Protein backbone atom coordinates (compact mmCIF):
# COMPACT_ATOMS: atom_id res chain seq x y z
CA MET A 1 -183.63 123.71 -130.92
CA GLY A 2 -182.21 120.50 -129.65
CA LYS A 3 -181.61 119.58 -125.99
CA ASN A 4 -180.96 121.84 -123.09
CA THR A 5 -177.26 122.21 -122.48
CA HIS A 6 -177.35 124.09 -119.16
CA VAL A 7 -179.84 125.24 -116.57
CA ASP A 8 -179.24 127.80 -113.81
CA PHE A 9 -181.09 130.12 -111.49
CA GLY A 10 -181.64 133.73 -112.57
CA ALA A 11 -181.80 136.85 -110.49
CA SER A 12 -183.92 135.08 -107.80
CA GLU A 13 -185.21 131.64 -106.87
CA ASP A 14 -188.26 132.29 -108.98
CA GLU A 15 -186.30 132.44 -112.18
CA VAL A 16 -184.53 129.80 -114.23
CA LEU A 17 -182.22 130.32 -117.22
CA VAL A 18 -182.19 127.52 -119.85
CA TRP A 19 -179.57 127.35 -122.62
CA SER A 20 -180.51 125.51 -125.80
CA ASP A 21 -178.17 123.42 -127.96
CA PHE A 22 -176.21 124.93 -130.92
CA ALA A 23 -176.04 128.30 -129.07
CA ALA A 24 -179.53 129.02 -130.44
CA CYS A 25 -180.99 130.93 -127.49
CA VAL A 26 -181.25 131.29 -123.70
CA LYS A 27 -184.71 131.44 -122.13
CA ALA A 28 -185.47 133.13 -118.83
CA TRP A 29 -188.47 131.37 -117.26
CA CYS A 30 -190.53 132.85 -114.37
CA LEU A 31 -191.63 129.95 -112.23
CA THR A 32 -194.51 131.90 -110.66
CA THR A 33 -196.17 133.16 -113.81
CA GLY A 34 -194.89 130.77 -116.44
CA ARG A 35 -193.70 133.66 -118.57
CA ALA A 36 -190.58 133.11 -120.68
CA VAL A 37 -188.24 135.64 -122.42
CA GLU A 38 -185.99 134.44 -125.20
CA ILE A 39 -182.57 135.88 -125.85
CA ARG A 40 -180.90 134.76 -129.03
CA ASP A 41 -177.37 133.93 -130.07
CA PRO A 42 -175.52 133.46 -126.76
CA LYS A 43 -171.89 132.74 -127.56
CA PHE A 44 -171.42 129.95 -124.96
CA SER A 45 -173.53 127.25 -123.44
CA GLY A 46 -173.64 128.90 -120.00
CA LYS A 47 -171.67 126.11 -118.21
CA ASP A 48 -169.37 127.25 -115.40
CA GLY A 49 -170.68 130.72 -115.75
CA ARG A 50 -168.75 131.35 -118.92
CA GLY A 51 -169.97 134.31 -120.97
CA TRP A 52 -172.61 135.47 -118.60
CA GLY A 53 -173.12 136.87 -115.06
CA PHE A 54 -175.33 139.02 -112.86
CA ARG A 55 -173.95 142.14 -111.33
CA LEU A 56 -172.38 140.98 -108.06
CA GLY A 57 -174.12 142.15 -104.84
CA LYS A 58 -177.17 143.59 -106.63
CA ARG A 59 -178.12 141.02 -109.27
CA ASP A 60 -180.18 143.74 -111.04
CA VAL A 61 -178.27 143.55 -114.38
CA LEU A 62 -177.42 140.49 -116.47
CA ALA A 63 -174.34 140.76 -118.74
CA LEU A 64 -174.47 138.25 -121.57
CA LEU A 65 -171.86 137.67 -124.22
CA CYS A 66 -173.40 136.99 -127.68
CA ARG A 67 -172.18 136.63 -131.23
CA ALA A 68 -174.13 137.58 -134.37
CA SER A 69 -172.89 137.96 -137.91
CA GLY A 70 -169.33 137.35 -136.78
CA ILE A 71 -169.39 140.22 -134.27
CA ASP A 72 -168.93 139.84 -130.49
CA ILE A 73 -171.79 141.64 -128.66
CA LEU A 74 -172.19 142.37 -124.95
CA LEU A 75 -175.85 142.69 -123.84
CA LEU A 76 -176.79 144.39 -120.60
CA LEU A 77 -180.27 143.16 -119.62
CA ALA A 78 -182.56 144.26 -116.78
CA ALA A 79 -183.21 141.53 -114.31
CA LYS A 80 -186.77 140.02 -114.21
CA THR A 81 -187.97 141.81 -117.30
CA TYR A 82 -184.80 141.11 -119.36
CA GLN A 83 -185.24 144.19 -121.39
CA VAL A 84 -182.11 145.32 -123.23
CA LEU A 85 -180.49 148.21 -121.41
CA GLN A 86 -177.40 148.44 -123.55
CA ARG A 87 -176.08 146.67 -126.65
CA ILE A 88 -172.32 147.03 -127.14
CA GLU A 89 -170.41 145.81 -130.16
CA LEU A 90 -167.07 144.68 -128.82
CA PRO A 91 -163.74 145.48 -130.44
CA THR A 92 -162.62 141.81 -129.95
CA THR A 93 -161.79 139.17 -132.51
CA ASP A 94 -162.95 136.26 -130.29
CA ALA A 95 -164.10 137.24 -126.78
CA THR A 96 -163.78 134.31 -124.43
CA ASN A 97 -165.35 135.43 -121.15
CA ILE A 98 -166.60 138.40 -118.99
CA ALA A 99 -166.41 139.08 -115.24
CA TRP A 100 -168.10 141.62 -113.00
CA SER A 101 -166.05 143.37 -110.36
CA PRO A 102 -167.13 142.70 -106.75
CA ASP A 103 -168.59 146.26 -106.38
CA GLY A 104 -170.52 146.01 -109.66
CA ARG A 105 -168.75 149.04 -111.16
CA TRP A 106 -166.69 147.29 -113.89
CA ILE A 107 -167.04 144.53 -116.49
CA ALA A 108 -163.88 142.87 -117.67
CA VAL A 109 -164.00 141.26 -121.22
CA TRP A 110 -160.96 139.45 -122.58
CA GLU A 111 -159.88 137.75 -125.84
CA SER A 112 -159.24 134.11 -126.41
CA PRO A 113 -155.41 133.28 -126.08
CA SER A 114 -155.06 132.80 -129.84
CA ALA A 115 -156.33 136.34 -130.49
CA GLY A 116 -153.64 138.06 -128.43
CA TYR A 117 -153.24 139.58 -124.97
CA ASN A 118 -156.20 141.94 -124.92
CA LEU A 119 -158.35 142.92 -122.01
CA HIS A 120 -161.18 145.49 -122.18
CA ILE A 121 -162.70 147.23 -119.09
CA TYR A 122 -166.28 148.55 -119.38
CA THR A 123 -168.31 150.60 -116.95
CA ALA A 124 -171.48 149.15 -115.52
CA ASP A 125 -173.54 151.19 -118.08
CA GLY A 126 -171.59 149.79 -121.06
CA HIS A 127 -168.95 152.45 -121.83
CA LEU A 128 -165.43 151.38 -122.73
CA TYR A 129 -163.02 152.68 -120.05
CA ARG A 130 -159.70 151.19 -121.07
CA SER A 131 -158.12 148.49 -123.19
CA ILE A 132 -155.07 146.73 -121.79
CA ALA A 133 -152.31 144.90 -123.74
CA ARG A 134 -149.23 143.19 -122.54
CA GLU A 135 -146.25 145.39 -121.76
CA ALA A 136 -143.17 145.37 -123.95
CA CYS A 137 -140.70 142.72 -122.75
CA ASP A 138 -136.97 142.34 -123.37
CA GLU A 139 -135.83 139.34 -125.30
CA GLY A 140 -133.79 138.06 -122.39
CA THR A 141 -136.75 137.84 -119.98
CA GLY A 142 -138.11 134.62 -121.56
CA ILE A 143 -141.64 135.96 -121.33
CA GLN A 144 -143.48 134.71 -124.33
CA GLY A 145 -146.51 132.75 -125.32
CA LEU A 146 -150.11 133.32 -126.14
CA GLY A 147 -152.58 135.69 -124.49
CA ILE A 148 -154.75 135.69 -121.33
CA LYS A 149 -155.68 132.44 -119.66
CA THR A 150 -157.44 133.43 -116.37
CA VAL A 151 -158.84 136.68 -114.96
CA SER A 152 -159.92 137.21 -111.39
CA TRP A 153 -161.06 140.20 -109.37
CA LEU A 154 -159.47 140.46 -105.90
CA PRO A 155 -161.63 140.92 -102.83
CA GLY A 156 -161.81 144.55 -101.75
CA ASN A 157 -162.56 146.13 -105.20
CA GLU A 158 -159.03 147.53 -105.60
CA LYS A 159 -157.12 145.01 -107.76
CA LEU A 160 -157.55 142.81 -110.84
CA ALA A 161 -155.33 139.82 -111.50
CA ILE A 162 -154.52 138.48 -115.00
CA GLY A 163 -152.94 135.14 -115.56
CA GLY A 164 -151.32 134.69 -118.88
CA TRP A 165 -149.91 131.85 -120.97
CA ASP A 166 -146.46 133.39 -120.40
CA ARG A 167 -146.57 132.01 -116.76
CA ARG A 168 -146.87 135.47 -115.28
CA ILE A 169 -149.59 136.93 -113.13
CA ARG A 170 -150.17 140.67 -113.48
CA ILE A 171 -152.06 142.47 -110.68
CA LEU A 172 -153.55 145.73 -111.79
CA SER A 173 -154.99 148.68 -109.82
CA THR A 174 -158.64 149.34 -110.44
CA ARG A 175 -157.99 153.09 -110.31
CA THR A 176 -155.70 153.30 -113.31
CA PHE A 177 -155.63 149.65 -114.44
CA ALA A 178 -151.89 149.81 -114.58
CA PRO A 179 -149.75 146.82 -113.41
CA LEU A 180 -148.68 146.93 -109.78
CA VAL A 181 -147.26 143.47 -109.17
CA PHE A 182 -145.79 140.75 -111.35
CA LEU A 183 -145.67 137.07 -110.07
CA ASP A 184 -143.48 134.81 -112.14
CA HIS A 185 -143.31 131.04 -111.88
CA ALA A 186 -139.98 129.26 -112.41
CA ASP A 187 -139.21 125.66 -113.43
CA GLU A 188 -136.99 125.21 -110.33
CA ILE A 189 -138.02 126.01 -106.82
CA ASN A 190 -135.20 128.02 -105.28
CA VAL A 191 -136.76 130.59 -102.96
CA PRO A 192 -134.87 131.45 -99.79
CA GLY A 193 -137.06 131.80 -96.74
CA ALA A 194 -140.00 129.85 -98.31
CA HIS A 195 -141.19 126.54 -96.99
CA VAL A 196 -141.44 123.69 -99.45
CA TRP A 197 -143.55 120.55 -98.61
CA SER A 198 -144.05 117.47 -100.72
CA GLU A 199 -146.77 114.82 -100.37
CA HIS A 200 -145.56 111.36 -99.44
CA VAL A 201 -147.45 108.02 -99.17
CA ASP A 202 -146.08 105.24 -96.93
CA ALA A 203 -146.53 101.47 -97.31
CA GLN A 204 -149.84 101.58 -95.47
CA GLY A 205 -151.16 104.28 -97.83
CA THR A 206 -151.06 107.07 -95.24
CA ARG A 207 -150.53 110.47 -96.82
CA SER A 208 -148.46 113.22 -95.24
CA TYR A 209 -146.46 116.33 -96.05
CA GLN A 210 -142.71 116.19 -95.70
CA PRO A 211 -140.32 119.17 -95.76
CA THR A 212 -138.37 119.30 -99.04
CA PRO A 213 -134.87 120.86 -99.36
CA GLN A 214 -134.24 123.54 -102.00
CA PRO A 215 -133.51 123.72 -104.80
CA ALA A 216 -136.35 121.41 -105.89
CA THR A 217 -137.76 120.54 -109.29
CA PRO A 218 -141.50 119.85 -109.27
CA PRO A 219 -142.92 117.11 -111.62
CA LYS A 220 -143.95 118.29 -115.15
CA ALA A 221 -147.30 117.76 -116.72
CA VAL A 222 -147.83 114.48 -118.52
CA LEU A 223 -148.28 115.10 -122.25
CA ASP A 224 -150.76 113.21 -124.37
CA LYS A 225 -150.09 112.00 -127.84
CA ASN A 226 -149.43 114.85 -130.34
CA GLU A 227 -149.18 117.39 -127.52
CA SER A 228 -146.24 119.73 -126.96
CA SER A 229 -145.03 121.23 -123.67
CA PHE A 230 -146.14 124.63 -124.82
CA MET A 231 -149.76 123.40 -124.95
CA LYS A 232 -149.77 122.79 -121.17
CA THR A 233 -148.43 126.00 -119.77
CA GLY A 234 -149.77 129.21 -118.26
CA ILE A 235 -151.67 130.22 -115.11
CA GLY A 236 -154.57 127.80 -114.80
CA LEU A 237 -155.74 128.50 -111.31
CA MET A 238 -155.44 131.36 -108.90
CA SER A 239 -157.24 132.24 -105.64
CA PHE A 240 -156.98 135.07 -103.12
CA ASN A 241 -157.82 135.19 -99.46
CA ALA A 242 -160.49 137.52 -98.06
CA ASP A 243 -158.20 140.50 -97.34
CA SER A 244 -156.12 140.02 -100.56
CA THR A 245 -152.87 139.58 -98.68
CA LEU A 246 -152.22 136.01 -99.88
CA ALA A 247 -152.55 134.30 -103.29
CA ALA A 248 -152.49 130.65 -104.18
CA THR A 249 -151.58 129.76 -107.82
CA ARG A 250 -151.12 126.82 -110.09
CA GLU A 251 -149.04 126.93 -113.23
CA ASP A 252 -150.15 124.30 -115.75
CA SER A 253 -146.65 123.01 -116.75
CA THR A 254 -146.34 121.83 -113.11
CA PRO A 255 -149.97 121.05 -112.35
CA SER A 256 -149.33 119.36 -109.06
CA THR A 257 -147.56 122.31 -107.47
CA ILE A 258 -149.09 125.20 -105.60
CA TRP A 259 -147.35 128.56 -105.00
CA ILE A 260 -148.42 130.64 -102.01
CA TRP A 261 -147.53 134.29 -102.31
CA ASP A 262 -147.45 137.11 -99.76
CA LEU A 263 -148.76 140.13 -101.71
CA ARG A 264 -147.68 142.64 -99.01
CA LYS A 265 -144.05 141.75 -99.11
CA LEU A 266 -144.17 140.38 -102.71
CA LYS A 267 -142.45 137.10 -102.00
CA THR A 268 -143.16 133.35 -101.98
CA VAL A 269 -143.99 131.99 -98.47
CA ALA A 270 -144.64 128.34 -99.30
CA VAL A 271 -144.73 125.74 -102.11
CA LEU A 272 -146.81 122.50 -101.91
CA ILE A 273 -145.97 119.60 -104.24
CA HIS A 274 -148.60 116.80 -104.57
CA CYS A 275 -148.81 113.45 -106.19
CA LYS A 276 -151.66 114.41 -108.45
CA SER A 277 -152.70 117.45 -110.42
CA VAL A 278 -154.46 120.21 -108.42
CA LYS A 279 -158.11 120.66 -109.39
CA THR A 280 -159.43 123.46 -107.13
CA LEU A 281 -158.11 126.15 -104.76
CA GLN A 282 -160.43 127.87 -102.25
CA TRP A 283 -159.68 130.22 -99.44
CA CYS A 284 -161.85 130.00 -96.39
CA ALA A 285 -162.38 132.54 -93.67
CA GLY A 286 -159.66 132.68 -91.16
CA GLY A 287 -156.85 132.10 -93.62
CA LEU A 288 -157.49 128.43 -94.50
CA LEU A 289 -156.83 127.12 -98.03
CA LEU A 290 -158.70 124.13 -99.28
CA VAL A 291 -156.94 122.11 -102.01
CA GLN A 292 -158.41 119.27 -104.05
CA THR A 293 -156.37 117.10 -106.41
CA ALA A 294 -157.26 114.61 -109.13
CA LEU A 295 -156.80 111.79 -106.65
CA GLU A 296 -159.63 109.27 -106.80
CA GLY A 297 -160.71 109.51 -103.25
CA PRO A 298 -162.17 111.76 -100.53
CA VAL A 299 -158.95 113.47 -99.62
CA VAL A 300 -158.67 117.18 -98.83
CA TYR A 301 -155.47 119.19 -98.34
CA LEU A 302 -155.47 122.06 -95.87
CA TYR A 303 -152.94 125.00 -95.61
CA SER A 304 -153.10 127.70 -92.98
CA TYR A 305 -150.94 130.46 -91.70
CA ASP A 306 -150.55 132.97 -88.79
CA ALA A 307 -150.18 136.74 -89.34
CA ASP A 308 -147.69 138.23 -86.94
CA GLY A 309 -147.94 141.82 -85.65
CA ASP A 310 -145.17 143.06 -88.00
CA MET A 311 -147.37 142.09 -91.00
CA SER A 312 -145.29 138.99 -91.71
CA ILE A 313 -146.71 135.57 -92.61
CA ARG A 314 -145.79 132.54 -90.49
CA ALA A 315 -146.61 129.44 -92.48
CA LEU A 316 -147.96 126.43 -90.60
CA ALA A 317 -147.33 122.83 -91.55
CA PRO A 318 -150.11 121.77 -94.02
CA ARG A 319 -152.47 118.91 -93.25
CA ILE A 320 -154.15 116.14 -95.10
CA LEU A 321 -157.69 114.95 -94.33
CA ASP A 322 -158.57 111.41 -95.49
CA LEU A 323 -162.38 111.31 -95.21
CA SER A 324 -162.80 107.75 -96.62
CA THR A 325 -164.26 106.50 -93.36
CA HIS A 326 -166.83 109.23 -93.19
CA ILE A 327 -168.46 109.12 -96.67
CA SER A 328 -169.93 106.06 -98.42
CA PRO A 329 -167.85 105.05 -101.41
CA ALA A 330 -169.23 105.00 -104.97
CA PRO A 331 -167.76 103.39 -108.16
CA ALA A 332 -165.90 105.97 -110.30
CA ALA A 333 -167.08 108.71 -107.97
CA LYS A 334 -166.19 112.26 -108.85
CA TYR A 335 -165.82 114.25 -105.67
CA ARG A 336 -166.75 117.96 -105.41
CA LEU A 337 -165.23 120.24 -102.76
CA GLN A 338 -167.10 123.43 -101.90
CA TYR A 339 -166.40 126.04 -99.20
CA LEU A 340 -169.74 127.25 -97.63
CA CYS A 341 -169.01 130.91 -97.61
CA SER A 342 -172.53 131.83 -96.50
CA ALA A 343 -171.57 131.12 -92.89
CA PRO A 344 -170.79 134.27 -90.73
CA ALA A 345 -167.13 135.20 -90.51
CA SER A 346 -167.20 134.63 -86.75
CA LYS A 347 -168.04 130.92 -87.25
CA LYS A 348 -165.56 128.22 -87.81
CA PRO A 349 -164.89 127.22 -91.48
CA LEU A 350 -167.19 124.71 -93.01
CA PHE A 351 -166.94 122.92 -96.32
CA LEU A 352 -168.92 120.35 -98.23
CA LEU A 353 -167.47 117.20 -99.83
CA ALA A 354 -169.82 115.25 -102.16
CA HIS A 355 -170.17 112.91 -104.97
CA ASN A 356 -173.20 111.81 -106.98
CA THR A 357 -174.77 109.68 -104.17
CA ALA A 358 -173.48 111.03 -100.79
CA TYR A 359 -172.12 114.14 -99.15
CA ILE A 360 -170.71 115.24 -95.83
CA PHE A 361 -170.15 118.55 -94.04
CA VAL A 362 -166.68 119.00 -92.51
CA TRP A 363 -165.55 121.47 -89.80
CA PRO A 364 -161.74 121.26 -90.05
CA HIS A 365 -161.22 123.41 -86.93
CA GLY A 366 -164.01 121.79 -84.90
CA LYS A 367 -167.75 122.50 -84.81
CA ASP A 368 -169.37 125.44 -83.29
CA ALA A 369 -171.96 124.84 -80.55
CA ILE A 370 -175.51 125.19 -81.92
CA PHE A 371 -179.02 125.55 -80.57
CA ARG A 372 -177.99 127.44 -77.40
CA PHE A 373 -180.32 129.72 -75.55
CA GLU A 374 -179.15 132.85 -73.90
CA GLU A 375 -181.32 134.45 -71.25
CA ASP A 376 -181.12 138.06 -70.09
CA GLU A 377 -178.97 138.48 -67.00
CA GLY A 378 -181.37 138.20 -64.10
CA GLU A 379 -180.95 136.94 -60.59
CA GLY A 380 -177.38 135.85 -60.15
CA GLY A 381 -176.64 136.52 -63.86
CA ASP A 382 -177.11 132.92 -64.88
CA ARG A 383 -177.53 132.01 -68.52
CA SER A 384 -178.97 128.72 -69.75
CA GLU A 385 -176.65 126.42 -71.58
CA ASP A 386 -179.32 123.85 -72.34
CA SER A 387 -179.57 122.80 -76.01
CA LEU A 388 -182.78 122.27 -77.88
CA PHE A 389 -181.86 118.64 -78.38
CA ASP A 390 -181.64 118.02 -74.68
CA ILE A 391 -185.00 119.65 -74.05
CA LEU A 392 -186.79 117.74 -76.80
CA THR A 393 -185.37 114.39 -75.69
CA GLY A 394 -186.24 114.98 -72.10
CA ARG A 395 -182.69 115.07 -70.78
CA THR A 396 -183.33 118.55 -69.42
CA PRO A 397 -186.71 119.53 -67.88
CA VAL A 398 -188.65 122.19 -69.70
CA PRO A 399 -188.31 125.48 -67.76
CA ARG A 400 -191.53 126.60 -66.05
CA LEU A 401 -193.09 129.82 -67.27
CA LYS A 402 -192.62 132.69 -64.80
CA ASP A 403 -196.22 133.67 -64.53
CA VAL A 404 -198.06 133.98 -61.21
CA GLU A 405 -201.54 133.64 -62.68
CA TYR A 406 -200.45 130.50 -64.55
CA GLU A 407 -199.21 128.86 -61.35
CA GLU A 408 -202.43 129.68 -59.53
CA ALA A 409 -204.55 128.42 -62.35
CA ASP A 410 -202.53 125.31 -62.61
CA GLU A 411 -203.19 124.50 -58.98
CA GLN A 412 -206.96 124.86 -59.60
CA GLY A 413 -206.76 122.70 -62.81
CA GLU A 414 -207.89 125.62 -65.09
CA GLU A 415 -206.55 126.98 -68.36
CA ILE A 416 -205.75 130.63 -68.96
CA GLY A 417 -207.07 132.48 -71.95
CA ASP A 418 -206.15 135.78 -73.47
CA GLU A 419 -207.63 137.74 -70.59
CA GLY A 420 -205.84 135.75 -67.94
CA GLY A 421 -202.23 135.86 -69.11
CA LEU A 422 -200.20 133.47 -71.32
CA GLU A 423 -202.02 130.45 -72.76
CA ASP A 424 -199.96 127.34 -73.10
CA THR A 425 -202.11 124.32 -73.96
CA PHE A 426 -199.20 121.91 -74.16
CA ARG A 427 -197.86 122.64 -70.64
CA GLY A 428 -201.34 123.33 -69.28
CA LYS A 429 -201.91 119.57 -69.61
CA MET A 430 -198.65 118.56 -68.08
CA GLY A 431 -199.19 116.79 -64.84
CA ARG A 432 -202.64 115.55 -65.96
CA GLY A 433 -203.49 112.50 -68.03
CA GLY A 434 -201.84 109.79 -65.93
CA GLY A 435 -198.38 111.36 -65.81
CA ARG A 436 -198.01 111.37 -69.62
CA GLY A 437 -197.57 115.12 -69.87
CA GLY A 438 -199.11 116.88 -72.86
CA LEU A 439 -198.64 113.88 -75.16
CA GLY A 440 -201.52 111.86 -73.69
CA ASP A 441 -201.96 108.49 -75.29
CA SER A 442 -200.23 109.36 -78.57
CA GLY A 443 -197.19 107.28 -77.73
CA VAL A 444 -194.84 109.99 -79.11
CA GLU A 445 -193.15 110.30 -75.73
CA GLU A 446 -191.95 106.69 -76.10
CA MET A 447 -189.75 107.85 -79.04
CA PHE A 448 -187.44 109.57 -76.61
C-alpha cells in the first residue's frame, strides 16, 4: 500500500516498525526470524512518536492510536507477539496524541484543539480513570482560545503539564489530576526580580547576551499570507529539568522568547529573547538548558543556574556557543541538537550537534578523563594514572606482571603454561626477536 512513511525500532533492537502510506497499516518485523505482524488502521504515520508509544521503563506494552469507521480506538498490544491485550473505543471526537507516564501507570489521550479542551487519563490496563476539561473562567481574565496544544509528564511521576492555546500551562497532580499550578504568558515582560537577556550581534557577527531593562516587549511571530495572529498562539514548547523544579516554555505568539519558571516559588526567574524562533528546549543533567533556534548555523545557546541552600534559584548569565569552526559546513544544512541522556548523572553533560553529512560531540563544561586504570591500594597506596592511549602508543611502559614464576621462566627463555602460572604470549616474547618486542617483523610498532 504505497511507500513506507516512517520506520522505527520496536521493543528491542531486533524489531522494526514500518508504517505504510495512506494510514493503511503498521508492520512489526522481527529481524532474527523474518516474521511480521500487521496492525491495521493506525491513525497517524508514526513520525515524531505521534499516536504510539511503548510503556516507558518496561517497553512490554505498545499503545497505538487507531481509527476505524469514524471511531478513535486505543490498542494495547503485547510487545514481541503484538497480540491485542485491550481494545478501547475512546470517547473522543478527534484524538490527536497519546503519552505514557514515566512510571508506566497512566496513559494520557487528548483531543485535537478544534474538538475542545478534553484530556482523558487511562490506567495501564485500559480503564478510563478521569476526563479533564478546562476550568470555568471569568470574562475579565482574557483566557480564551482553542483546546490543548502540548502535553508533557514531569519527571518524578507526580505531575502532568498541559499547554493550551489560551497561553496557559496547567500543572496537574497525578493523584487527583486536579490543577496545582497555572503559568500564564503575557505580551509584555514586566516581572520584578527576574533577569531578562536579549541576543545581540555586533559588526563582526559575534553573538552575545545583553541584559535588557524591564518592561520589555518581545518580538511577535511573523504572519504568513492569510494568517491571523490567533493562528500562531499557545504553548508550543515546554521542558522540565530532572527534579521538576524548573520549567522552560515557549509561547508561539512570541516564538523567539523563552520563559524560565521556578516551580517551587511559582515565579519567573529569567527570560531569554533571541533573534530567531526557538526550535528545541532540552534540560541536561546538572541544571543546564540547551536551546536551538532557527538560525542557519551551528550555534547553541546555554542557560544554567545555581540552587542556593534556601531553595532559591540564582540565575547565571547565559552563554552562546558558535561551533562553526568545529563542524564542516554543508549547503542548506539542517542542524539537529540532541542531549545524550544515557551518560551517568555523575558525568559532565554531553550533547550531539549534527547535520546530514557531519556531527560533533560537545562537552560544554569540559570533558571527563577517560580510559583511566585504578589499582587496589597496595604498597604506598599508589594508583596508576596511565591512560590506555599512552600505553598503546608506547609513551608509558607496559607494567610487568607481578608473578615470580614468570620472572624466573623469562630469565631461562621459557614460556609458562596453565600449570606454571599466567600465560602471556605477547609479553613472553618481549626482549627477544631483535628488540622488536612481541610485534616481531610485522612493522606494526612503526605506526607508533
